[in-house]
Amino acid sequence: MSKVSVFGKFNCAEGKEEEMQVALTTMVEASKDIDGVESYSYHKDDSGTYWFFGIMRDSESAQQHGQSESMKEAMASFMPLLAGPPEMGMASTVASYGLDL
């Protein structure tokens, strides 16, 4: 069974950067208690675009992650801070350095 990588790209609503930092930190903390979430991180590039990257044990873990109560609560504070809908993707890992496949 292959690991599942989850990717995302989004922009923050103008003037909401500090609130976004808190929301993203809350989501990372919430992810720590979800079985099957192996890595969960947010990144920001020089243009202000945010990027999400997560590694899940399998597709079931990826689905469970989004349905957990802790993540639903964290997402409630995140969604109003977006400038628009996030772009999300999911893929199976086929080759890697640094991941225990």
C-alpha atoms as a PDB file:
ATOM      1  CA  MET A   1       0.000   0.000   0.000  1.00  0.00           C
ATOM      2  CA  SER A   2       1.390   3.381  -1.019  1.00  0.00           C
ATOM      3  CA  LYS A   3       1.617   6.530   1.038  1.00  0.00           C
ATOM      4  CA  VAL A   4      -0.653   9.365  -0.044  1.00  0.00           C
ATOM      5  CA  SER A   5       0.663  12.874  -0.555  1.00  0.00           C
ATOM      6  CA  VAL A   6      -1.782  15.756  -0.239  1.00  0.00           C
ATOM      7  CA  PHE A   7      -0.938  19.120  -1.793  1.00  0.00           C
ATOM      8  CA  GLY A   8      -2.625  22.477  -1.554  1.00  0.00           C
ATOM      9  CA  LYS A   9      -2.195  26.047  -2.720  1.00  0.00           C
ATOM     10  CA  PHE A  10      -4.127  29.051  -1.432  1.00  0.00           C
ATOM     11  CA  ASN A  11      -3.997  32.772  -0.768  1.00  0.00           C
ATOM     12  CA  CYS A  12      -4.871  34.624   2.386  1.00  0.00           C
ATOM     13  CA  ALA A  13      -7.454  37.415   2.418  1.00  0.00           C
ATOM     14  CA  GLU A  14      -5.849  40.839   2.619  1.00  0.00           C
ATOM     15  CA  GLY A  15      -5.049  41.918   6.170  1.00  0.00           C
ATOM     16  CA  LYS A  16      -5.605  38.427   7.610  1.00  0.00           C
ATOM     17  CA  GLU A  17      -2.007  37.173   7.680  1.00  0.00           C
ATOM     18  CA  GLU A  18      -1.641  37.146  11.474  1.00  0.00           C
ATOM     19  CA  GLU A  19      -4.930  35.294  11.893  1.00  0.00           C
ATOM     20  CA  MET A  20      -3.858  32.876   9.162  1.00  0.00           C
ATOM     21  CA  GLN A  21      -0.638  32.084  11.033  1.00  0.00           C
ATOM     22  CA  VAL A  22      -2.670  31.174  14.122  1.00  0.00           C
ATOM     23  CA  ALA A  23      -5.143  29.075  12.095  1.00  0.00           C
ATOM     24  CA  LEU A  24      -2.367  27.156  10.316  1.00  0.00           C
ATOM     25  CA  THR A  25      -0.560  26.470  13.582  1.00  0.00           C
ATOM     26  CA  THR A  26      -3.849  25.214  15.052  1.00  0.00           C
ATOM     27  CA  MET A  27      -4.374  22.861  12.099  1.00  0.00           C
ATOM     28  CA  VAL A  28      -0.852  21.477  12.393  1.00  0.00           C
ATOM     29  CA  GLU A  29      -1.423  20.822  16.095  1.00  0.00           C
ATOM     30  CA  ALA A  30      -4.798  19.184  15.370  1.00  0.00           C
ATOM     31  CA  SER A  31      -3.192  16.878  12.804  1.00  0.00           C
ATOM     32  CA  LYS A  32      -0.787  15.421  15.382  1.00  0.00           C
ATOM     33  CA  ASP A  33      -3.527  13.345  17.018  1.00  0.00           C
ATOM     34  CA  ILE A  34      -4.936  11.886  13.800  1.00  0.00           C
ATOM     35  CA  ASP A  35      -3.917   8.294  13.145  1.00  0.00           C
ATOM     36  CA  GLY A  36      -2.142   7.904   9.818  1.00  0.00           C
ATOM     37  CA  VAL A  37      -1.007  11.524   9.421  1.00  0.00           C
ATOM     38  CA  GLU A  38       2.763  11.228   9.086  1.00  0.00           C
ATOM     39  CA  SER A  39       3.699  14.749   7.996  1.00  0.00           C
ATOM     40  CA  TYR A  40       1.646  17.941   7.843  1.00  0.00           C
ATOM     41  CA  SER A  41       3.075  21.339   6.950  1.00  0.00           C
ATOM     42  CA  TYR A  42       2.297  24.783   5.565  1.00  0.00           C
ATOM     43  CA  HIS A  43       4.698  27.010   3.651  1.00  0.00           C
ATOM     44  CA  LYS A  44       4.606  30.576   2.278  1.00  0.00           C
ATOM     45  CA  ASP A  45       6.542  31.753  -0.762  1.00  0.00           C
ATOM     46  CA  ASP A  46       7.906  35.221  -1.554  1.00  0.00           C
ATOM     47  CA  SER A  47       4.745  36.183  -3.456  1.00  0.00           C
ATOM     48  CA  GLY A  48       2.548  35.497  -0.407  1.00  0.00           C
ATOM     49  CA  THR A  49       1.073  32.266  -1.755  1.00  0.00           C
ATOM     50  CA  TYR A  50       0.634  29.541   0.847  1.00  0.00           C
ATOM     51  CA  TRP A  51       1.362  25.885   0.135  1.00  0.00           C
ATOM     52  CA  PHE A  52       0.261  22.801   2.038  1.00  0.00           C
ATOM     53  CA  PHE A  53       1.977  19.422   2.022  1.00  0.00           C
ATOM     54  CA  GLY A  54       0.945  16.331   3.940  1.00  0.00           C
ATOM     55  CA  ILE A  55       1.876  12.664   3.936  1.00  0.00           C
ATOM     56  CA  MET A  56      -0.734  10.147   4.985  1.00  0.00           C
ATOM     57  CA  ARG A  57      -0.205   6.438   5.624  1.00  0.00           C
ATOM     58  CA  ASP A  58      -2.856   5.533   3.020  1.00  0.00           C
ATOM     59  CA  SER A  59      -5.991   6.869   1.322  1.00  0.00           C
ATOM     60  CA  GLU A  60      -8.159   5.896   4.292  1.00  0.00           C
ATOM     61  CA  SER A  61      -5.971   8.034   6.567  1.00  0.00           C
ATOM     62  CA  ALA A  62      -6.307  10.957   4.169  1.00  0.00           C
ATOM     63  CA  GLN A  63     -10.094  10.673   4.257  1.00  0.00           C
ATOM     64  CA  GLN A  64     -10.184  10.221   8.041  1.00  0.00           C
ATOM     65  CA  HIS A  65      -7.997  13.301   8.480  1.00  0.00           C
ATOM     66  CA  GLY A  66     -10.578  15.585   6.894  1.00  0.00           C
ATOM     67  CA  GLN A  67     -13.421  14.091   8.921  1.00  0.00           C
ATOM     68  CA  SER A  68     -11.842  14.258  12.378  1.00  0.00           C
ATOM     69  CA  GLU A  69     -13.485  16.556  14.914  1.00  0.00           C
ATOM     70  CA  SER A  70     -10.217  18.323  15.726  1.00  0.00           C
ATOM     71  CA  MET A  71      -9.612  19.134  12.064  1.00  0.00           C
ATOM     72  CA  LYS A  72     -13.209  20.254  11.472  1.00  0.00           C
ATOM     73  CA  GLU A  73     -12.848  22.700  14.375  1.00  0.00           C
ATOM     74  CA  ALA A  74      -9.509  23.979  13.092  1.00  0.00           C
ATOM     75  CA  MET A  75     -10.849  24.356   9.538  1.00  0.00           C
ATOM     76  CA  ALA A  76     -13.736  26.499  10.805  1.00  0.00           C
ATOM     77  CA  SER A  77     -11.288  29.292  11.678  1.00  0.00           C
ATOM     78  CA  PHE A  78      -9.199  28.762   8.517  1.00  0.00           C
ATOM     79  CA  MET A  79     -11.851  28.950   5.793  1.00  0.00           C
ATOM     80  CA  PRO A  80     -12.988  32.571   6.399  1.00  0.00           C
ATOM     81  CA  LEU A  81      -9.371  33.745   6.057  1.00  0.00           C
ATOM     82  CA  LEU A  82      -8.991  32.567   2.456  1.00  0.00           C
ATOM     83  CA  ALA A  83      -8.963  34.966  -0.491  1.00  0.00           C
ATOM     84  CA  GLY A  84     -10.611  32.262  -2.602  1.00  0.00           C
ATOM     85  CA  PRO A  85     -11.064  28.508  -2.797  1.00  0.00           C
ATOM     86  CA  PRO A  86      -7.883  26.492  -2.215  1.00  0.00           C
ATOM     87  CA  GLU A  87      -6.475  24.291  -4.959  1.00  0.00           C
ATOM     88  CA  MET A  88      -5.986  20.773  -3.626  1.00  0.00           C
ATOM     89  CA  GLY A  89      -4.541  17.572  -5.012  1.00  0.00           C
ATOM     90  CA  MET A  90      -3.766  14.050  -3.869  1.00  0.00           C
ATOM     91  CA  ALA A  91      -1.266  11.563  -5.277  1.00  0.00           C
ATOM     92  CA  SER A  92       0.278   8.217  -4.426  1.00  0.00           C
ATOM     93  CA  THR A  93       3.993   8.196  -3.692  1.00  0.00           C
ATOM     94  CA  VAL A  94       5.916   6.208  -6.291  1.00  0.00           C
ATOM     95  CA  ALA A  95       9.529   7.059  -5.400  1.00  0.00           C
ATOM     96  CA  SER A  96      11.089   9.076  -2.629  1.00  0.00           C
ATOM     97  CA  TYR A  97      14.150   9.925  -0.617  1.00  0.00           C
ATOM     98  CA  GLY A  98      13.520  10.449   3.086  1.00  0.00           C
ATOM     99  CA  LEU A  99      10.166   8.695   3.342  1.00  0.00           C
ATOM    100  CA  ASP A 100       9.720   5.211   4.716  1.00  0.00           C
ATOM    101  CA  LEU A 101       7.621   3.707   1.946  1.00  0.00           C
END
